[in-house]
């Protein structure tokens, strides 16, 4: 989806100082992906806090 957004130039410049070859589009897409992962982790922690427990064999899962 194409959209116009106002991006904080200070933050964008700081990011590009660490990764100069990364495009603005890639920076925004990576930030959105990281934010989505954060939301999903938060939701998972909320499920655990509400008493839903994981059942399984951790040793088998790790192999």
PDB file of N, CA and C in Angstrom:
ATOM      1  N   UNK A   1       0.842  -1.170   0.000  1.00  0.00           N
ATOM      2  CA  UNK A   1       0.000   0.000   0.000  1.00  0.00           C
ATOM      3  C   UNK A   1       0.893   1.240   0.000  1.00  0.00           C
ATOM      4  N   UNK A   2       0.576   2.160  -0.813  1.00  0.00           N
ATOM      5  CA  UNK A   2       1.343   3.396  -0.902  1.00  0.00           C
ATOM      6  C   UNK A   2       0.666   4.449  -0.028  1.00  0.00           C
ATOM      7  N   UNK A   3       1.483   5.150   0.789  1.00  0.00           N
ATOM      8  CA  UNK A   3       0.948   6.204   1.643  1.00  0.00           C
ATOM      9  C   UNK A   3       2.021   7.252   1.891  1.00  0.00           C
ATOM     10  N   UNK A   4       1.600   8.433   2.263  1.00  0.00           N
ATOM     11  CA  UNK A   4       2.532   9.501   2.626  1.00  0.00           C
ATOM     12  C   UNK A   4       2.508   9.669   4.133  1.00  0.00           C
ATOM     13  N   UNK A   5       3.697   9.673   4.747  1.00  0.00           N
ATOM     14  CA  UNK A   5       3.781   9.864   6.193  1.00  0.00           C
ATOM     15  C   UNK A   5       4.890  10.857   6.516  1.00  0.00           C
ATOM     16  N   UNK A   6       4.745  11.519   7.644  1.00  0.00           N
ATOM     17  CA  UNK A   6       5.752  12.456   8.110  1.00  0.00           C
ATOM     18  C   UNK A   6       6.663  11.709   9.083  1.00  0.00           C
ATOM     19  N   UNK A   7       7.910  11.485   8.678  1.00  0.00           N
ATOM     20  CA  UNK A   7       8.857  10.709   9.475  1.00  0.00           C
ATOM     21  C   UNK A   7       9.797  11.662  10.206  1.00  0.00           C
ATOM     22  N   UNK A   8      10.082  11.341  11.461  1.00  0.00           N
ATOM     23  CA  UNK A   8      11.008  12.126  12.266  1.00  0.00           C
ATOM     24  C   UNK A   8      12.395  12.041  11.637  1.00  0.00           C
ATOM     25  N   UNK A   9      12.877  13.172  11.091  1.00  0.00           N
ATOM     26  CA  UNK A   9      14.166  13.191  10.394  1.00  0.00           C
ATOM     27  C   UNK A   9      15.338  12.854  11.312  1.00  0.00           C
ATOM     28  N   UNK A  10      15.274  13.274  12.565  1.00  0.00           N
ATOM     29  CA  UNK A  10      16.364  12.996  13.504  1.00  0.00           C
ATOM     30  C   UNK A  10      16.530  11.503  13.709  1.00  0.00           C
ATOM     31  N   UNK A  11      15.422  10.823  13.925  1.00  0.00           N
ATOM     32  CA  UNK A  11      15.462   9.374  14.127  1.00  0.00           C
ATOM     33  C   UNK A  11      15.902   8.669  12.850  1.00  0.00           C
ATOM     34  N   UNK A  12      15.358   9.086  11.736  1.00  0.00           N
ATOM     35  CA  UNK A  12      15.712   8.483  10.456  1.00  0.00           C
ATOM     36  C   UNK A  12      17.208   8.652  10.170  1.00  0.00           C
ATOM     37  N   UNK A  13      17.739   9.842  10.409  1.00  0.00           N
ATOM     38  CA  UNK A  13      19.168  10.076  10.192  1.00  0.00           C
ATOM     39  C   UNK A  13      20.026   9.233  11.121  1.00  0.00           C
ATOM     40  N   UNK A  14      19.580   9.044  12.355  1.00  0.00           N
ATOM     41  CA  UNK A  14      20.341   8.210  13.287  1.00  0.00           C
ATOM     42  C   UNK A  14      20.362   6.753  12.818  1.00  0.00           C
ATOM     43  N   UNK A  15      19.231   6.272  12.353  1.00  0.00           N
ATOM     44  CA  UNK A  15      19.172   4.896  11.843  1.00  0.00           C
ATOM     45  C   UNK A  15      20.084   4.742  10.635  1.00  0.00           C
ATOM     46  N   UNK A  16      20.040   5.683   9.708  1.00  0.00           N
ATOM     47  CA  UNK A  16      20.866   5.565   8.510  1.00  0.00           C
ATOM     48  C   UNK A  16      22.353   5.741   8.820  1.00  0.00           C
ATOM     49  N   UNK A  17      22.683   6.359   9.953  1.00  0.00           N
ATOM     50  CA  UNK A  17      24.101   6.444  10.324  1.00  0.00           C
ATOM     51  C   UNK A  17      24.635   5.074  10.735  1.00  0.00           C
ATOM     52  N   UNK A  18      23.766   4.210  11.242  1.00  0.00           N
ATOM     53  CA  UNK A  18      24.163   2.848  11.597  1.00  0.00           C
ATOM     54  C   UNK A  18      24.109   1.911  10.395  1.00  0.00           C
ATOM     55  N   UNK A  19      23.137   2.119   9.539  1.00  0.00           N
ATOM     56  CA  UNK A  19      22.935   1.274   8.352  1.00  0.00           C
ATOM     57  C   UNK A  19      22.753   2.169   7.132  1.00  0.00           C
ATOM     58  N   UNK A  20      23.847   2.713   6.599  1.00  0.00           N
ATOM     59  CA  UNK A  20      23.718   3.676   5.498  1.00  0.00           C
ATOM     60  C   UNK A  20      23.133   3.110   4.210  1.00  0.00           C
ATOM     61  N   UNK A  21      23.190   1.814   4.000  1.00  0.00           N
ATOM     62  CA  UNK A  21      22.685   1.242   2.745  1.00  0.00           C
ATOM     63  C   UNK A  21      21.197   0.916   2.787  1.00  0.00           C
ATOM     64  N   UNK A  22      20.551   1.167   3.921  1.00  0.00           N
ATOM     65  CA  UNK A  22      19.134   0.830   4.076  1.00  0.00           C
ATOM     66  C   UNK A  22      18.276   1.998   3.569  1.00  0.00           C
ATOM     67  N   UNK A  23      17.254   1.666   2.779  1.00  0.00           N
ATOM     68  CA  UNK A  23      16.363   2.695   2.245  1.00  0.00           C
ATOM     69  C   UNK A  23      15.321   3.102   3.293  1.00  0.00           C
ATOM     70  N   UNK A  24      14.691   4.255   3.071  1.00  0.00           N
ATOM     71  CA  UNK A  24      13.637   4.726   3.969  1.00  0.00           C
ATOM     72  C   UNK A  24      12.493   3.711   4.009  1.00  0.00           C
ATOM     73  N   UNK A  25      12.146   3.181   2.857  1.00  0.00           N
ATOM     74  CA  UNK A  25      11.071   2.187   2.784  1.00  0.00           C
ATOM     75  C   UNK A  25      11.411   0.959   3.622  1.00  0.00           C
ATOM     76  N   UNK A  26      12.644   0.498   3.520  1.00  0.00           N
ATOM     77  CA  UNK A  26      13.057  -0.669   4.284  1.00  0.00           C
ATOM     78  C   UNK A  26      13.049  -0.375   5.789  1.00  0.00           C
ATOM     79  N   UNK A  27      13.469   0.823   6.164  1.00  0.00           N
ATOM     80  CA  UNK A  27      13.459   1.213   7.576  1.00  0.00           C
ATOM     81  C   UNK A  27      12.038   1.187   8.118  1.00  0.00           C
ATOM     82  N   UNK A  28      11.099   1.767   7.383  1.00  0.00           N
ATOM     83  CA  UNK A  28       9.700   1.809   7.826  1.00  0.00           C
ATOM     84  C   UNK A  28       9.112   0.403   7.879  1.00  0.00           C
ATOM     85  N   UNK A  29       9.370  -0.408   6.862  1.00  0.00           N
ATOM     86  CA  UNK A  29       8.844  -1.778   6.855  1.00  0.00           C
ATOM     87  C   UNK A  29       9.417  -2.601   8.006  1.00  0.00           C
ATOM     88  N   UNK A  30      10.717  -2.439   8.289  1.00  0.00           N
ATOM     89  CA  UNK A  30      11.321  -3.150   9.416  1.00  0.00           C
ATOM     90  C   UNK A  30      10.716  -2.692  10.739  1.00  0.00           C
ATOM     91  N   UNK A  31      10.488  -1.394  10.864  1.00  0.00           N
ATOM     92  CA  UNK A  31       9.883  -0.867  12.092  1.00  0.00           C
ATOM     93  C   UNK A  31       8.473  -1.414  12.282  1.00  0.00           C
ATOM     94  N   UNK A  32       7.708  -1.487  11.208  1.00  0.00           N
ATOM     95  CA  UNK A  32       6.352  -2.044  11.298  1.00  0.00           C
ATOM     96  C   UNK A  32       6.386  -3.516  11.695  1.00  0.00           C
ATOM     97  N   UNK A  33       7.318  -4.266  11.121  1.00  0.00           N
ATOM     98  CA  UNK A  33       7.448  -5.683  11.462  1.00  0.00           C
ATOM     99  C   UNK A  33       7.833  -5.858  12.928  1.00  0.00           C
ATOM    100  N   UNK A  34       8.785  -5.052  13.398  1.00  0.00           N
ATOM    101  CA  UNK A  34       9.195  -5.115  14.807  1.00  0.00           C
ATOM    102  C   UNK A  34       8.037  -4.756  15.728  1.00  0.00           C
ATOM    103  N   UNK A  35       7.254  -3.758  15.348  1.00  0.00           N
ATOM    104  CA  UNK A  35       6.107  -3.347  16.162  1.00  0.00           C
ATOM    105  C   UNK A  35       5.059  -4.459  16.219  1.00  0.00           C
ATOM    106  N   UNK A  36       4.819  -5.101  15.085  1.00  0.00           N
ATOM    107  CA  UNK A  36       3.877  -6.219  15.058  1.00  0.00           C
ATOM    108  C   UNK A  36       4.352  -7.354  15.956  1.00  0.00           C
ATOM    109  N   UNK A  37       5.641  -7.671  15.910  1.00  0.00           N
ATOM    110  CA  UNK A  37       6.192  -8.721  16.770  1.00  0.00           C
ATOM    111  C   UNK A  37       6.040  -8.340  18.245  1.00  0.00           C
ATOM    112  N   UNK A  38       6.237  -7.080  18.556  1.00  0.00           N
ATOM    113  CA  UNK A  38       6.062  -6.594  19.934  1.00  0.00           C
ATOM    114  C   UNK A  38       4.613  -6.787  20.394  1.00  0.00           C
ATOM    115  N   UNK A  39       3.667  -6.441  19.529  1.00  0.00           N
ATOM    116  CA  UNK A  39       2.244  -6.606  19.861  1.00  0.00           C
ATOM    117  C   UNK A  39       1.925  -8.076  20.107  1.00  0.00           C
ATOM    118  N   UNK A  40       2.428  -8.959  19.241  1.00  0.00           N
ATOM    119  CA  UNK A  40       2.153 -10.389  19.395  1.00  0.00           C
ATOM    120  C   UNK A  40       2.765 -10.942  20.681  1.00  0.00           C
ATOM    121  N   UNK A  41       4.000 -10.506  21.017  1.00  0.00           N
ATOM    122  CA  UNK A  41       4.617 -10.953  22.273  1.00  0.00           C
ATOM    123  C   UNK A  41       3.824 -10.473  23.467  1.00  0.00           C
ATOM    124  N   UNK A  42       3.351  -9.230  23.405  1.00  0.00           N
ATOM    125  CA  UNK A  42       2.554  -8.680  24.494  1.00  0.00           C
ATOM    126  C   UNK A  42       1.264  -9.470  24.670  1.00  0.00           C
ATOM    127  N   UNK A  43       0.606  -9.802  23.558  1.00  0.00           N
ATOM    128  CA  UNK A  43      -0.621 -10.598  23.624  1.00  0.00           C
ATOM    129  C   UNK A  43      -0.354 -11.981  24.210  1.00  0.00           C
ATOM    130  N   UNK A  44       0.759 -12.583  23.820  1.00  0.00           N
ATOM    131  CA  UNK A  44       1.117 -13.893  24.352  1.00  0.00           C
ATOM    132  C   UNK A  44       1.350 -13.820  25.854  1.00  0.00           C
ATOM    133  N   UNK A  45       2.056 -12.791  26.302  1.00  0.00           N
ATOM    134  CA  UNK A  45       2.277 -12.618  27.743  1.00  0.00           C
ATOM    135  C   UNK A  45       0.962 -12.396  28.474  1.00  0.00           C
ATOM    136  N   UNK A  46       0.038 -11.678  27.851  1.00  0.00           N
ATOM    137  CA  UNK A  46      -1.279 -11.481  28.466  1.00  0.00           C
ATOM    138  C   UNK A  46      -2.015 -12.809  28.617  1.00  0.00           C
ATOM    139  N   UNK A  47      -1.901 -13.687  27.624  1.00  0.00           N
ATOM    140  CA  UNK A  47      -2.528 -15.004  27.733  1.00  0.00           C
ATOM    141  C   UNK A  47      -1.932 -15.796  28.892  1.00  0.00           C
ATOM    142  N   UNK A  48      -0.624 -15.743  29.023  1.00  0.00           N
ATOM    143  CA  UNK A  48       0.049 -16.459  30.113  1.00  0.00           C
ATOM    144  C   UNK A  48      -0.381 -15.888  31.463  1.00  0.00           C
ATOM    145  N   UNK A  49      -0.445 -14.559  31.547  1.00  0.00           N
ATOM    146  CA  UNK A  49      -0.866 -13.909  32.792  1.00  0.00           C
ATOM    147  C   UNK A  49      -2.300 -14.255  33.171  1.00  0.00           C
ATOM    148  N   UNK A  50      -3.111 -14.578  32.161  1.00  0.00           N
ATOM    149  CA  UNK A  50      -4.518 -14.912  32.428  1.00  0.00           C
ATOM    150  C   UNK A  50      -4.720 -16.386  32.731  1.00  0.00           C
ATOM    151  N   UNK A  51      -3.644 -17.116  32.913  1.00  0.00           N
ATOM    152  CA  UNK A  51      -3.753 -18.484  33.373  1.00  0.00           C
ATOM    153  C   UNK A  51      -3.711 -19.551  32.302  1.00  0.00           C
ATOM    154  N   UNK A  52      -3.492 -19.201  31.067  1.00  0.00           N
ATOM    155  CA  UNK A  52      -3.376 -20.206  30.017  1.00  0.00           C
ATOM    156  C   UNK A  52      -1.952 -20.729  30.047  1.00  0.00           C
ATOM    157  N   UNK A  53      -1.818 -22.028  30.210  1.00  0.00           N
ATOM    158  CA  UNK A  53      -0.497 -22.625  30.331  1.00  0.00           C
ATOM    159  C   UNK A  53      -0.152 -23.440  29.090  1.00  0.00           C
ATOM    160  N   UNK A  54       1.133 -23.467  28.779  1.00  0.00           N
ATOM    161  CA  UNK A  54       1.624 -24.244  27.660  1.00  0.00           C
ATOM    162  C   UNK A  54       1.889 -25.660  28.138  1.00  0.00           C
ATOM    163  N   UNK A  55       1.453 -26.638  27.339  1.00  0.00           N
ATOM    164  CA  UNK A  55       1.701 -28.035  27.667  1.00  0.00           C
ATOM    165  C   UNK A  55       2.489 -28.644  26.512  1.00  0.00           C
ATOM    166  N   UNK A  56       3.555 -29.295  26.844  1.00  0.00           N
ATOM    167  CA  UNK A  56       4.357 -29.912  25.806  1.00  0.00           C
ATOM    168  C   UNK A  56       5.696 -30.378  26.368  1.00  0.00           C
ATOM    169  N   UNK A  57       6.473 -31.013  25.515  1.00  0.00           N
ATOM    170  CA  UNK A  57       7.786 -31.514  25.900  1.00  0.00           C
ATOM    171  C   UNK A  57       8.827 -30.551  25.369  1.00  0.00           C
ATOM    172  N   UNK A  58       9.362 -29.714  26.240  1.00  0.00           N
ATOM    173  CA  UNK A  58      10.320 -28.693  25.840  1.00  0.00           C
ATOM    174  C   UNK A  58      11.590 -29.309  25.247  1.00  0.00           C
ATOM    175  N   UNK A  59      12.069 -30.430  25.811  1.00  0.00           N
ATOM    176  CA  UNK A  59      13.269 -31.066  25.290  1.00  0.00           C
ATOM    177  C   UNK A  59      13.049 -31.553  23.857  1.00  0.00           C
ATOM    178  N   UNK A  60      11.888 -32.125  23.592  1.00  0.00           N
ATOM    179  CA  UNK A  60      11.576 -32.603  22.250  1.00  0.00           C
ATOM    180  C   UNK A  60      11.439 -31.420  21.296  1.00  0.00           C
ATOM    181  N   UNK A  61      10.839 -30.343  21.740  1.00  0.00           N
ATOM    182  CA  UNK A  61      10.639 -29.172  20.911  1.00  0.00           C
ATOM    183  C   UNK A  61      11.979 -28.545  20.505  1.00  0.00           C
ATOM    184  N   UNK A  62      12.966 -28.606  21.386  1.00  0.00           N
ATOM    185  CA  UNK A  62      14.260 -28.000  21.127  1.00  0.00           C
ATOM    186  C   UNK A  62      15.140 -28.812  20.181  1.00  0.00           C
ATOM    187  N   UNK A  63      14.815 -30.104  19.935  1.00  0.00           N
ATOM    188  CA  UNK A  63      15.656 -30.923  19.064  1.00  0.00           C
ATOM    189  C   UNK A  63      15.279 -30.792  17.617  1.00  0.00           C
TER     190      UNK A  63
END
